[in-house]
Amino acid sequence: MACMSCKYGEMQESVTTYFTQLNHCYIIIENVPCLKCSQCGEEFLTSSVAERLTVFWII
């Protein structure tokens, strides 16, 4: 699959660190599955991963 940002690189399975803020606290989650562009390095979460992260904040 081609990168949605640069249109040149190929998306490869990788892991990333996800940062967010909840109330007045910073939350850091390591080893989150993502797709990373081989050209520009842009990272994208799949819809299933994004949904799992969203459910985590609702609980």
C-alpha atoms as a PDB file:
ATOM      1  CA  MET A   1       0.000   0.000   0.000  1.00  0.00           C
ATOM      2  CA  ALA A   2       1.330   3.461  -0.890  1.00  0.00           C
ATOM      3  CA  CYS A   3       1.785   6.131   1.783  1.00  0.00           C
ATOM      4  CA  MET A   4      -1.191   8.461   2.160  1.00  0.00           C
ATOM      5  CA  SER A   5       1.094  11.418   2.995  1.00  0.00           C
ATOM      6  CA  CYS A   6       4.011  11.353   0.550  1.00  0.00           C
ATOM      7  CA  LYS A   7       2.525   8.925  -2.027  1.00  0.00           C
ATOM      8  CA  TYR A   8       5.999   7.445  -2.685  1.00  0.00           C
ATOM      9  CA  GLY A   9       6.837   5.091   0.170  1.00  0.00           C
ATOM     10  CA  GLU A  10       5.370   1.729   1.004  1.00  0.00           C
ATOM     11  CA  MET A  11       3.584   1.154   4.290  1.00  0.00           C
ATOM     12  CA  GLN A  12       5.253  -1.456   6.487  1.00  0.00           C
ATOM     13  CA  GLU A  13       4.076  -3.016   9.732  1.00  0.00           C
ATOM     14  CA  SER A  14       5.878  -1.511  12.702  1.00  0.00           C
ATOM     15  CA  VAL A  15       5.300  -0.382  16.295  1.00  0.00           C
ATOM     16  CA  THR A  16       5.182   3.119  17.740  1.00  0.00           C
ATOM     17  CA  THR A  17       4.786   4.905  21.048  1.00  0.00           C
ATOM     18  CA  TYR A  18       1.379   6.521  21.559  1.00  0.00           C
ATOM     19  CA  PHE A  19       1.169   9.714  23.636  1.00  0.00           C
ATOM     20  CA  THR A  20      -2.023  11.317  24.883  1.00  0.00           C
ATOM     21  CA  GLN A  21      -3.298  13.443  27.749  1.00  0.00           C
ATOM     22  CA  LEU A  22      -6.136  12.415  30.039  1.00  0.00           C
ATOM     23  CA  ASN A  23      -7.362  15.066  32.459  1.00  0.00           C
ATOM     24  CA  HIS A  24      -4.053  16.561  33.635  1.00  0.00           C
ATOM     25  CA  CYS A  25      -1.943  13.424  33.187  1.00  0.00           C
ATOM     26  CA  TYR A  26       0.167  12.284  30.267  1.00  0.00           C
ATOM     27  CA  ILE A  27      -0.349   8.687  29.138  1.00  0.00           C
ATOM     28  CA  ILE A  28       2.388   6.848  27.210  1.00  0.00           C
ATOM     29  CA  ILE A  29       1.737   3.451  25.615  1.00  0.00           C
ATOM     30  CA  GLU A  30       4.695   1.691  24.020  1.00  0.00           C
ATOM     31  CA  ASN A  31       4.714  -0.964  21.282  1.00  0.00           C
ATOM     32  CA  VAL A  32       1.448   0.097  19.625  1.00  0.00           C
ATOM     33  CA  PRO A  33       1.061  -1.618  16.213  1.00  0.00           C
ATOM     34  CA  CYS A  34       1.091   0.804  13.285  1.00  0.00           C
ATOM     35  CA  LEU A  35       1.859   1.158   9.593  1.00  0.00           C
ATOM     36  CA  LYS A  36       5.008   3.202   8.908  1.00  0.00           C
ATOM     37  CA  CYS A  37       6.062   4.712   5.572  1.00  0.00           C
ATOM     38  CA  SER A  38       9.441   3.511   4.296  1.00  0.00           C
ATOM     39  CA  GLN A  39      10.052   6.903   2.626  1.00  0.00           C
ATOM     40  CA  CYS A  40       8.831   9.707   4.918  1.00  0.00           C
ATOM     41  CA  GLY A  41       8.407   7.820   8.221  1.00  0.00           C
ATOM     42  CA  GLU A  42       4.779   8.887   8.700  1.00  0.00           C
ATOM     43  CA  GLU A  43       2.919   6.505  11.023  1.00  0.00           C
ATOM     44  CA  PHE A  44      -0.731   5.498  10.774  1.00  0.00           C
ATOM     45  CA  LEU A  45      -2.861   3.475  13.173  1.00  0.00           C
ATOM     46  CA  THR A  46      -5.246   0.927  11.728  1.00  0.00           C
ATOM     47  CA  SER A  47      -8.901   1.414  12.577  1.00  0.00           C
ATOM     48  CA  SER A  48      -8.909  -1.633  14.867  1.00  0.00           C
ATOM     49  CA  VAL A  49      -5.922  -0.317  16.866  1.00  0.00           C
ATOM     50  CA  ALA A  50      -7.425   3.184  17.080  1.00  0.00           C
ATOM     51  CA  GLU A  51     -10.707   1.672  18.269  1.00  0.00           C
ATOM     52  CA  ARG A  52      -8.934  -0.343  20.974  1.00  0.00           C
ATOM     53  CA  LEU A  53      -7.163   2.811  22.184  1.00  0.00           C
ATOM     54  CA  THR A  54     -10.467   4.716  22.258  1.00  0.00           C
ATOM     55  CA  VAL A  55     -12.179   1.968  24.258  1.00  0.00           C
ATOM     56  CA  PHE A  56      -9.291   2.072  26.729  1.00  0.00           C
ATOM     57  CA  TRP A  57      -9.992   5.769  27.480  1.00  0.00           C
ATOM     58  CA  ILE A  58     -13.737   5.260  27.873  1.00  0.00           C
ATOM     59  CA  ILE A  59     -13.383   2.565  30.543  1.00  0.00           C
END
